[in-house]
């Protein structure tokens, strides 16, 4: 997968609610199962942990690209020397 796609997946995983019990759906519906729905909604599930660990292992193999602040510091260091 493209690194941008992986980062989008990471952002989506991080937006998941912490748990079903802390969501506003408690008392209104049954706890959904990621295996039956195919959707990961809560961070306290095995599916979320597996997906996040897989994502981290793939991203660990990728080259680190400097962010805006790091690029600025590199440019300024080159200008000084």
PDB file of N, CA and C in Angstrom:
ATOM      1  N   UNK A   1       0.833  -1.186   0.000  1.00  0.00           N
ATOM      2  CA  UNK A   1       0.000   0.000   0.000  1.00  0.00           C
ATOM      3  C   UNK A   1       0.878   1.250   0.000  1.00  0.00           C
ATOM      4  N   UNK A   2       0.361   2.284  -0.541  1.00  0.00           N
ATOM      5  CA  UNK A   2       1.026   3.572  -0.574  1.00  0.00           C
ATOM      6  C   UNK A   2       1.074   4.137   0.846  1.00  0.00           C
ATOM      7  N   UNK A   3       2.133   4.852   1.175  1.00  0.00           N
ATOM      8  CA  UNK A   3       2.304   5.383   2.523  1.00  0.00           C
ATOM      9  C   UNK A   3       1.159   6.322   2.904  1.00  0.00           C
ATOM     10  N   UNK A   4       0.704   7.113   1.969  1.00  0.00           N
ATOM     11  CA  UNK A   4      -0.426   8.007   2.242  1.00  0.00           C
ATOM     12  C   UNK A   4      -1.679   7.233   2.611  1.00  0.00           C
ATOM     13  N   UNK A   5      -1.914   6.117   1.935  1.00  0.00           N
ATOM     14  CA  UNK A   5      -3.055   5.263   2.239  1.00  0.00           C
ATOM     15  C   UNK A   5      -2.918   4.674   3.636  1.00  0.00           C
ATOM     16  N   UNK A   6      -1.709   4.268   3.984  1.00  0.00           N
ATOM     17  CA  UNK A   6      -1.466   3.728   5.319  1.00  0.00           C
ATOM     18  C   UNK A   6      -1.694   4.780   6.395  1.00  0.00           C
ATOM     19  N   UNK A   7      -1.275   5.994   6.136  1.00  0.00           N
ATOM     20  CA  UNK A   7      -1.475   7.067   7.108  1.00  0.00           C
ATOM     21  C   UNK A   7      -2.961   7.413   7.243  1.00  0.00           C
ATOM     22  N   UNK A   8      -3.707   7.314   6.159  1.00  0.00           N
ATOM     23  CA  UNK A   8      -5.150   7.525   6.221  1.00  0.00           C
ATOM     24  C   UNK A   8      -5.798   6.427   7.054  1.00  0.00           C
ATOM     25  N   UNK A   9      -5.341   5.201   6.868  1.00  0.00           N
ATOM     26  CA  UNK A   9      -5.847   4.081   7.664  1.00  0.00           C
ATOM     27  C   UNK A   9      -5.519   4.294   9.141  1.00  0.00           C
ATOM     28  N   UNK A  10      -4.315   4.769   9.429  1.00  0.00           N
ATOM     29  CA  UNK A  10      -3.914   5.048  10.814  1.00  0.00           C
ATOM     30  C   UNK A  10      -4.834   6.092  11.426  1.00  0.00           C
ATOM     31  N   UNK A  11      -5.101   7.156  10.701  1.00  0.00           N
ATOM     32  CA  UNK A  11      -5.977   8.214  11.208  1.00  0.00           C
ATOM     33  C   UNK A  11      -7.374   7.666  11.490  1.00  0.00           C
ATOM     34  N   UNK A  12      -7.866   6.808  10.606  1.00  0.00           N
ATOM     35  CA  UNK A  12      -9.189   6.214  10.804  1.00  0.00           C
ATOM     36  C   UNK A  12      -9.202   5.318  12.038  1.00  0.00           C
ATOM     37  N   UNK A  13      -8.146   4.549  12.242  1.00  0.00           N
ATOM     38  CA  UNK A  13      -8.077   3.684  13.418  1.00  0.00           C
ATOM     39  C   UNK A  13      -8.006   4.509  14.703  1.00  0.00           C
ATOM     40  N   UNK A  14      -7.272   5.607  14.667  1.00  0.00           N
ATOM     41  CA  UNK A  14      -7.146   6.438  15.862  1.00  0.00           C
ATOM     42  C   UNK A  14      -8.426   7.195  16.190  1.00  0.00           C
ATOM     43  N   UNK A  15      -9.310   7.387  15.211  1.00  0.00           N
ATOM     44  CA  UNK A  15     -10.575   8.068  15.448  1.00  0.00           C
ATOM     45  C   UNK A  15     -11.614   7.171  16.114  1.00  0.00           C
ATOM     46  N   UNK A  16     -11.342   5.882  16.170  1.00  0.00           N
ATOM     47  CA  UNK A  16     -12.291   4.956  16.794  1.00  0.00           C
ATOM     48  C   UNK A  16     -12.479   5.319  18.267  1.00  0.00           C
ATOM     49  N   UNK A  17     -13.685   5.067  18.758  1.00  0.00           N
ATOM     50  CA  UNK A  17     -13.975   5.290  20.180  1.00  0.00           C
ATOM     51  C   UNK A  17     -13.153   4.314  21.016  1.00  0.00           C
ATOM     52  N   UNK A  18     -12.891   4.682  22.263  1.00  0.00           N
ATOM     53  CA  UNK A  18     -12.097   3.835  23.151  1.00  0.00           C
ATOM     54  C   UNK A  18     -12.776   2.494  23.412  1.00  0.00           C
ATOM     55  N   UNK A  19     -14.063   2.519  23.721  1.00  0.00           N
ATOM     56  CA  UNK A  19     -14.777   1.280  24.001  1.00  0.00           C
ATOM     57  C   UNK A  19     -16.270   1.478  23.772  1.00  0.00           C
ATOM     58  N   UNK A  20     -16.980   0.385  23.641  1.00  0.00           N
ATOM     59  CA  UNK A  20     -18.431   0.448  23.478  1.00  0.00           C
ATOM     60  C   UNK A  20     -19.078   1.062  24.714  1.00  0.00           C
ATOM     61  N   UNK A  21     -18.542   0.720  25.874  1.00  0.00           N
ATOM     62  CA  UNK A  21     -19.099   1.224  27.117  1.00  0.00           C
ATOM     63  C   UNK A  21     -18.984   2.740  27.242  1.00  0.00           C
ATOM     64  N   UNK A  22     -17.989   3.342  26.628  1.00  0.00           N
ATOM     65  CA  UNK A  22     -17.820   4.791  26.697  1.00  0.00           C
ATOM     66  C   UNK A  22     -18.529   5.517  25.546  1.00  0.00           C
ATOM     67  N   UNK A  23     -19.180   4.771  24.674  1.00  0.00           N
ATOM     68  CA  UNK A  23     -19.886   5.398  23.551  1.00  0.00           C
ATOM     69  C   UNK A  23     -21.301   5.776  23.954  1.00  0.00           C
ATOM     70  N   UNK A  24     -21.955   6.552  23.129  1.00  0.00           N
ATOM     71  CA  UNK A  24     -23.328   6.956  23.409  1.00  0.00           C
ATOM     72  C   UNK A  24     -24.344   5.907  22.944  1.00  0.00           C
ATOM     73  N   UNK A  25     -23.872   4.768  22.491  1.00  0.00           N
ATOM     74  CA  UNK A  25     -24.754   3.703  22.006  1.00  0.00           C
ATOM     75  C   UNK A  25     -25.123   2.697  23.092  1.00  0.00           C
ATOM     76  N   UNK A  26     -24.495   2.796  24.248  1.00  0.00           N
ATOM     77  CA  UNK A  26     -24.767   1.873  25.359  1.00  0.00           C
ATOM     78  C   UNK A  26     -26.225   2.046  25.788  1.00  0.00           C
ATOM     79  N   UNK A  27     -26.913   0.929  25.943  1.00  0.00           N
ATOM     80  CA  UNK A  27     -28.306   0.964  26.367  1.00  0.00           C
ATOM     81  C   UNK A  27     -29.287   1.052  25.223  1.00  0.00           C
ATOM     82  N   UNK A  28     -28.803   1.356  24.017  1.00  0.00           N
ATOM     83  CA  UNK A  28     -29.688   1.483  22.872  1.00  0.00           C
ATOM     84  C   UNK A  28     -29.562   0.319  21.897  1.00  0.00           C
ATOM     85  N   UNK A  29     -28.403  -0.283  21.845  1.00  0.00           N
ATOM     86  CA  UNK A  29     -28.190  -1.390  20.924  1.00  0.00           C
ATOM     87  C   UNK A  29     -27.146  -2.347  21.485  1.00  0.00           C
ATOM     88  N   UNK A  30     -27.081  -3.516  20.893  1.00  0.00           N
ATOM     89  CA  UNK A  30     -26.112  -4.524  21.339  1.00  0.00           C
ATOM     90  C   UNK A  30     -24.718  -4.165  20.850  1.00  0.00           C
ATOM     91  N   UNK A  31     -23.717  -4.652  21.560  1.00  0.00           N
ATOM     92  CA  UNK A  31     -22.330  -4.407  21.170  1.00  0.00           C
ATOM     93  C   UNK A  31     -22.070  -5.046  19.808  1.00  0.00           C
ATOM     94  N   UNK A  32     -21.634  -4.260  18.816  1.00  0.00           N
ATOM     95  CA  UNK A  32     -21.362  -4.828  17.490  1.00  0.00           C
ATOM     96  C   UNK A  32     -20.081  -5.659  17.483  1.00  0.00           C
ATOM     97  N   UNK A  33     -20.036  -6.643  16.621  1.00  0.00           N
ATOM     98  CA  UNK A  33     -18.856  -7.488  16.482  1.00  0.00           C
ATOM     99  C   UNK A  33     -18.154  -7.132  15.185  1.00  0.00           C
ATOM    100  N   UNK A  34     -16.855  -6.844  15.265  1.00  0.00           N
ATOM    101  CA  UNK A  34     -16.085  -6.474  14.069  1.00  0.00           C
ATOM    102  C   UNK A  34     -16.037  -7.616  13.070  1.00  0.00           C
ATOM    103  N   UNK A  35     -16.090  -8.848  13.543  1.00  0.00           N
ATOM    104  CA  UNK A  35     -16.048  -9.991  12.626  1.00  0.00           C
ATOM    105  C   UNK A  35     -17.351 -10.134  11.845  1.00  0.00           C
ATOM    106  N   UNK A  36     -18.483  -9.818  12.468  1.00  0.00           N
ATOM    107  CA  UNK A  36     -19.757  -9.957  11.762  1.00  0.00           C
ATOM    108  C   UNK A  36     -20.063  -8.748  10.887  1.00  0.00           C
ATOM    109  N   UNK A  37     -19.680  -7.542  11.326  1.00  0.00           N
ATOM    110  CA  UNK A  37     -19.972  -6.342  10.538  1.00  0.00           C
ATOM    111  C   UNK A  37     -18.862  -5.992   9.552  1.00  0.00           C
ATOM    112  N   UNK A  38     -17.644  -6.427   9.844  1.00  0.00           N
ATOM    113  CA  UNK A  38     -16.511  -6.075   8.982  1.00  0.00           C
ATOM    114  C   UNK A  38     -15.994  -4.674   9.237  1.00  0.00           C
ATOM    115  N   UNK A  39     -16.492  -4.038  10.281  1.00  0.00           N
ATOM    116  CA  UNK A  39     -16.105  -2.664  10.612  1.00  0.00           C
ATOM    117  C   UNK A  39     -15.514  -2.631  12.018  1.00  0.00           C
ATOM    118  N   UNK A  40     -14.365  -2.004  12.140  1.00  0.00           N
ATOM    119  CA  UNK A  40     -13.733  -1.835  13.453  1.00  0.00           C
ATOM    120  C   UNK A  40     -14.208  -0.496  14.002  1.00  0.00           C
ATOM    121  N   UNK A  41     -14.909  -0.533  15.132  1.00  0.00           N
ATOM    122  CA  UNK A  41     -15.468   0.699  15.697  1.00  0.00           C
ATOM    123  C   UNK A  41     -14.839   1.110  17.023  1.00  0.00           C
ATOM    124  N   UNK A  42     -14.257   0.148  17.758  1.00  0.00           N
ATOM    125  CA  UNK A  42     -13.777   0.440  19.101  1.00  0.00           C
ATOM    126  C   UNK A  42     -12.348  -0.063  19.288  1.00  0.00           C
ATOM    127  N   UNK A  43     -11.566   0.701  20.051  1.00  0.00           N
ATOM    128  CA  UNK A  43     -10.154   0.386  20.254  1.00  0.00           C
ATOM    129  C   UNK A  43      -9.919  -0.779  21.209  1.00  0.00           C
ATOM    130  N   UNK A  44     -10.899  -1.145  21.983  1.00  0.00           N
ATOM    131  CA  UNK A  44     -10.693  -2.217  22.957  1.00  0.00           C
ATOM    132  C   UNK A  44     -10.980  -3.608  22.389  1.00  0.00           C
ATOM    133  N   UNK A  45     -10.959  -3.743  21.078  1.00  0.00           N
ATOM    134  CA  UNK A  45     -11.215  -5.041  20.437  1.00  0.00           C
ATOM    135  C   UNK A  45      -9.914  -5.652  19.920  1.00  0.00           C
ATOM    136  N   UNK A  46      -9.939  -6.963  19.770  1.00  0.00           N
ATOM    137  CA  UNK A  46      -8.779  -7.659  19.212  1.00  0.00           C
ATOM    138  C   UNK A  46      -8.541  -7.248  17.765  1.00  0.00           C
ATOM    139  N   UNK A  47      -9.610  -7.016  17.024  1.00  0.00           N
ATOM    140  CA  UNK A  47      -9.485  -6.625  15.615  1.00  0.00           C
ATOM    141  C   UNK A  47      -8.743  -5.294  15.492  1.00  0.00           C
ATOM    142  N   UNK A  48      -9.060  -4.332  16.381  1.00  0.00           N
ATOM    143  CA  UNK A  48      -8.382  -3.034  16.333  1.00  0.00           C
ATOM    144  C   UNK A  48      -6.909  -3.204  16.669  1.00  0.00           C
ATOM    145  N   UNK A  49      -6.619  -3.957  17.729  1.00  0.00           N
ATOM    146  CA  UNK A  49      -5.226  -4.168  18.125  1.00  0.00           C
ATOM    147  C   UNK A  49      -4.424  -4.840  17.024  1.00  0.00           C
ATOM    148  N   UNK A  50      -5.002  -5.841  16.373  1.00  0.00           N
ATOM    149  CA  UNK A  50      -4.325  -6.541  15.283  1.00  0.00           C
ATOM    150  C   UNK A  50      -4.077  -5.594  14.108  1.00  0.00           C
ATOM    151  N   UNK A  51      -5.110  -4.829  13.736  1.00  0.00           N
ATOM    152  CA  UNK A  51      -4.988  -3.905  12.607  1.00  0.00           C
ATOM    153  C   UNK A  51      -3.931  -2.838  12.880  1.00  0.00           C
ATOM    154  N   UNK A  52      -3.911  -2.310  14.109  1.00  0.00           N
ATOM    155  CA  UNK A  52      -2.954  -1.263  14.439  1.00  0.00           C
ATOM    156  C   UNK A  52      -1.533  -1.801  14.493  1.00  0.00           C
ATOM    157  N   UNK A  53      -1.351  -2.989  15.044  1.00  0.00           N
ATOM    158  CA  UNK A  53      -0.018  -3.600  15.087  1.00  0.00           C
ATOM    159  C   UNK A  53       0.481  -3.912  13.680  1.00  0.00           C
ATOM    160  N   UNK A  54      -0.385  -4.423  12.814  1.00  0.00           N
ATOM    161  CA  UNK A  54      -0.010  -4.685  11.419  1.00  0.00           C
ATOM    162  C   UNK A  54       0.407  -3.393  10.728  1.00  0.00           C
ATOM    163  N   UNK A  55      -0.364  -2.350  10.948  1.00  0.00           N
ATOM    164  CA  UNK A  55      -0.076  -1.052  10.343  1.00  0.00           C
ATOM    165  C   UNK A  55       1.268  -0.517  10.826  1.00  0.00           C
ATOM    166  N   UNK A  56       1.518  -0.591  12.129  1.00  0.00           N
ATOM    167  CA  UNK A  56       2.788  -0.114  12.677  1.00  0.00           C
ATOM    168  C   UNK A  56       3.972  -0.902  12.127  1.00  0.00           C
ATOM    169  N   UNK A  57       3.806  -2.210  11.957  1.00  0.00           N
ATOM    170  CA  UNK A  57       4.913  -3.013  11.442  1.00  0.00           C
ATOM    171  C   UNK A  57       5.224  -2.657   9.993  1.00  0.00           C
ATOM    172  N   UNK A  58       4.212  -2.364   9.205  1.00  0.00           N
ATOM    173  CA  UNK A  58       4.438  -1.961   7.812  1.00  0.00           C
ATOM    174  C   UNK A  58       5.079  -0.583   7.766  1.00  0.00           C
ATOM    175  N   UNK A  59       4.576   0.350   8.564  1.00  0.00           N
ATOM    176  CA  UNK A  59       5.136   1.703   8.575  1.00  0.00           C
ATOM    177  C   UNK A  59       6.570   1.732   9.093  1.00  0.00           C
ATOM    178  N   UNK A  60       6.932   0.799   9.951  1.00  0.00           N
ATOM    179  CA  UNK A  60       8.292   0.746  10.487  1.00  0.00           C
ATOM    180  C   UNK A  60       9.313   0.417   9.400  1.00  0.00           C
ATOM    181  N   UNK A  61       8.870  -0.195   8.323  1.00  0.00           N
ATOM    182  CA  UNK A  61       9.777  -0.539   7.231  1.00  0.00           C
ATOM    183  C   UNK A  61       9.951   0.616   6.248  1.00  0.00           C
ATOM    184  N   UNK A  62       9.130   1.646   6.379  1.00  0.00           N
ATOM    185  CA  UNK A  62       9.167   2.769   5.444  1.00  0.00           C
ATOM    186  C   UNK A  62      10.181   3.813   5.871  1.00  0.00           C
ATOM    187  N   UNK A  63      10.657   4.559   4.884  1.00  0.00           N
ATOM    188  CA  UNK A  63      11.598   5.644   5.147  1.00  0.00           C
ATOM    189  C   UNK A  63      10.874   6.773   5.870  1.00  0.00           C
ATOM    190  N   UNK A  64      11.546   7.392   6.831  1.00  0.00           N
ATOM    191  CA  UNK A  64      10.966   8.514   7.543  1.00  0.00           C
ATOM    192  C   UNK A  64      11.168   9.775   6.721  1.00  0.00           C
ATOM    193  N   UNK A  65      10.067  10.417   6.353  1.00  0.00           N
ATOM    194  CA  UNK A  65      10.137  11.674   5.623  1.00  0.00           C
ATOM    195  C   UNK A  65      10.007  12.817   6.617  1.00  0.00           C
ATOM    196  N   UNK A  66      10.877  13.817   6.512  1.00  0.00           N
ATOM    197  CA  UNK A  66      10.815  14.916   7.473  1.00  0.00           C
ATOM    198  C   UNK A  66       9.524  15.723   7.312  1.00  0.00           C
ATOM    199  N   UNK A  67       8.987  16.178   8.433  1.00  0.00           N
ATOM    200  CA  UNK A  67       7.791  17.012   8.378  1.00  0.00           C
ATOM    201  C   UNK A  67       8.205  18.449   8.080  1.00  0.00           C
ATOM    202  N   UNK A  68       7.236  19.350   8.067  1.00  0.00           N
ATOM    203  CA  UNK A  68       7.499  20.735   7.691  1.00  0.00           C
ATOM    204  C   UNK A  68       8.545  21.390   8.600  1.00  0.00           C
ATOM    205  N   UNK A  69       8.425  21.200   9.912  1.00  0.00           N
ATOM    206  CA  UNK A  69       9.368  21.797  10.856  1.00  0.00           C
ATOM    207  C   UNK A  69      10.768  21.225  10.666  1.00  0.00           C
ATOM    208  N   UNK A  70      10.865  19.916  10.463  1.00  0.00           N
ATOM    209  CA  UNK A  70      12.179  19.290  10.257  1.00  0.00           C
ATOM    210  C   UNK A  70      12.818  19.771   8.961  1.00  0.00           C
ATOM    211  N   UNK A  71      12.031  19.928   7.898  1.00  0.00           N
ATOM    212  CA  UNK A  71      12.570  20.445   6.631  1.00  0.00           C
ATOM    213  C   UNK A  71      13.074  21.869   6.797  1.00  0.00           C
ATOM    214  N   UNK A  72      12.350  22.665   7.579  1.00  0.00           N
ATOM    215  CA  UNK A  72      12.755  24.048   7.833  1.00  0.00           C
ATOM    216  C   UNK A  72      14.099  24.082   8.560  1.00  0.00           C
ATOM    217  N   UNK A  73      14.254  23.230   9.564  1.00  0.00           N
ATOM    218  CA  UNK A  73      15.510  23.171  10.315  1.00  0.00           C
ATOM    219  C   UNK A  73      16.670  22.715   9.421  1.00  0.00           C
ATOM    220  N   UNK A  74      16.424  21.789   8.528  1.00  0.00           N
ATOM    221  CA  UNK A  74      17.457  21.320   7.590  1.00  0.00           C
ATOM    222  C   UNK A  74      17.873  22.459   6.666  1.00  0.00           C
ATOM    223  N   UNK A  75      16.896  23.205   6.130  1.00  0.00           N
ATOM    224  CA  UNK A  75      17.195  24.327   5.240  1.00  0.00           C
ATOM    225  C   UNK A  75      18.008  25.394   5.967  1.00  0.00           C
ATOM    226  N   UNK A  76      17.612  25.703   7.204  1.00  0.00           N
ATOM    227  CA  UNK A  76      18.308  26.737   7.960  1.00  0.00           C
ATOM    228  C   UNK A  76      19.736  26.300   8.297  1.00  0.00           C
ATOM    229  N   UNK A  77      19.937  25.046   8.600  1.00  0.00           N
ATOM    230  CA  UNK A  77      21.272  24.527   8.896  1.00  0.00           C
ATOM    231  C   UNK A  77      22.149  24.620   7.656  1.00  0.00           C
ATOM    232  N   UNK A  78      21.600  24.298   6.501  1.00  0.00           N
ATOM    233  CA  UNK A  78      22.374  24.401   5.240  1.00  0.00           C
ATOM    234  C   UNK A  78      22.720  25.835   4.934  1.00  0.00           C
ATOM    235  N   UNK A  79      21.786  26.752   5.219  1.00  0.00           N
ATOM    236  CA  UNK A  79      22.036  28.176   4.946  1.00  0.00           C
ATOM    237  C   UNK A  79      23.131  28.720   5.859  1.00  0.00           C
ATOM    238  N   UNK A  80      23.199  28.228   7.082  1.00  0.00           N
ATOM    239  CA  UNK A  80      24.227  28.696   8.026  1.00  0.00           C
ATOM    240  C   UNK A  80      25.621  28.220   7.638  1.00  0.00           C
ATOM    241  N   UNK A  81      25.705  27.049   7.033  1.00  0.00           N
ATOM    242  CA  UNK A  81      27.029  26.498   6.719  1.00  0.00           C
ATOM    243  C   UNK A  81      27.522  26.891   5.349  1.00  0.00           C
TER     244      UNK A  81
END
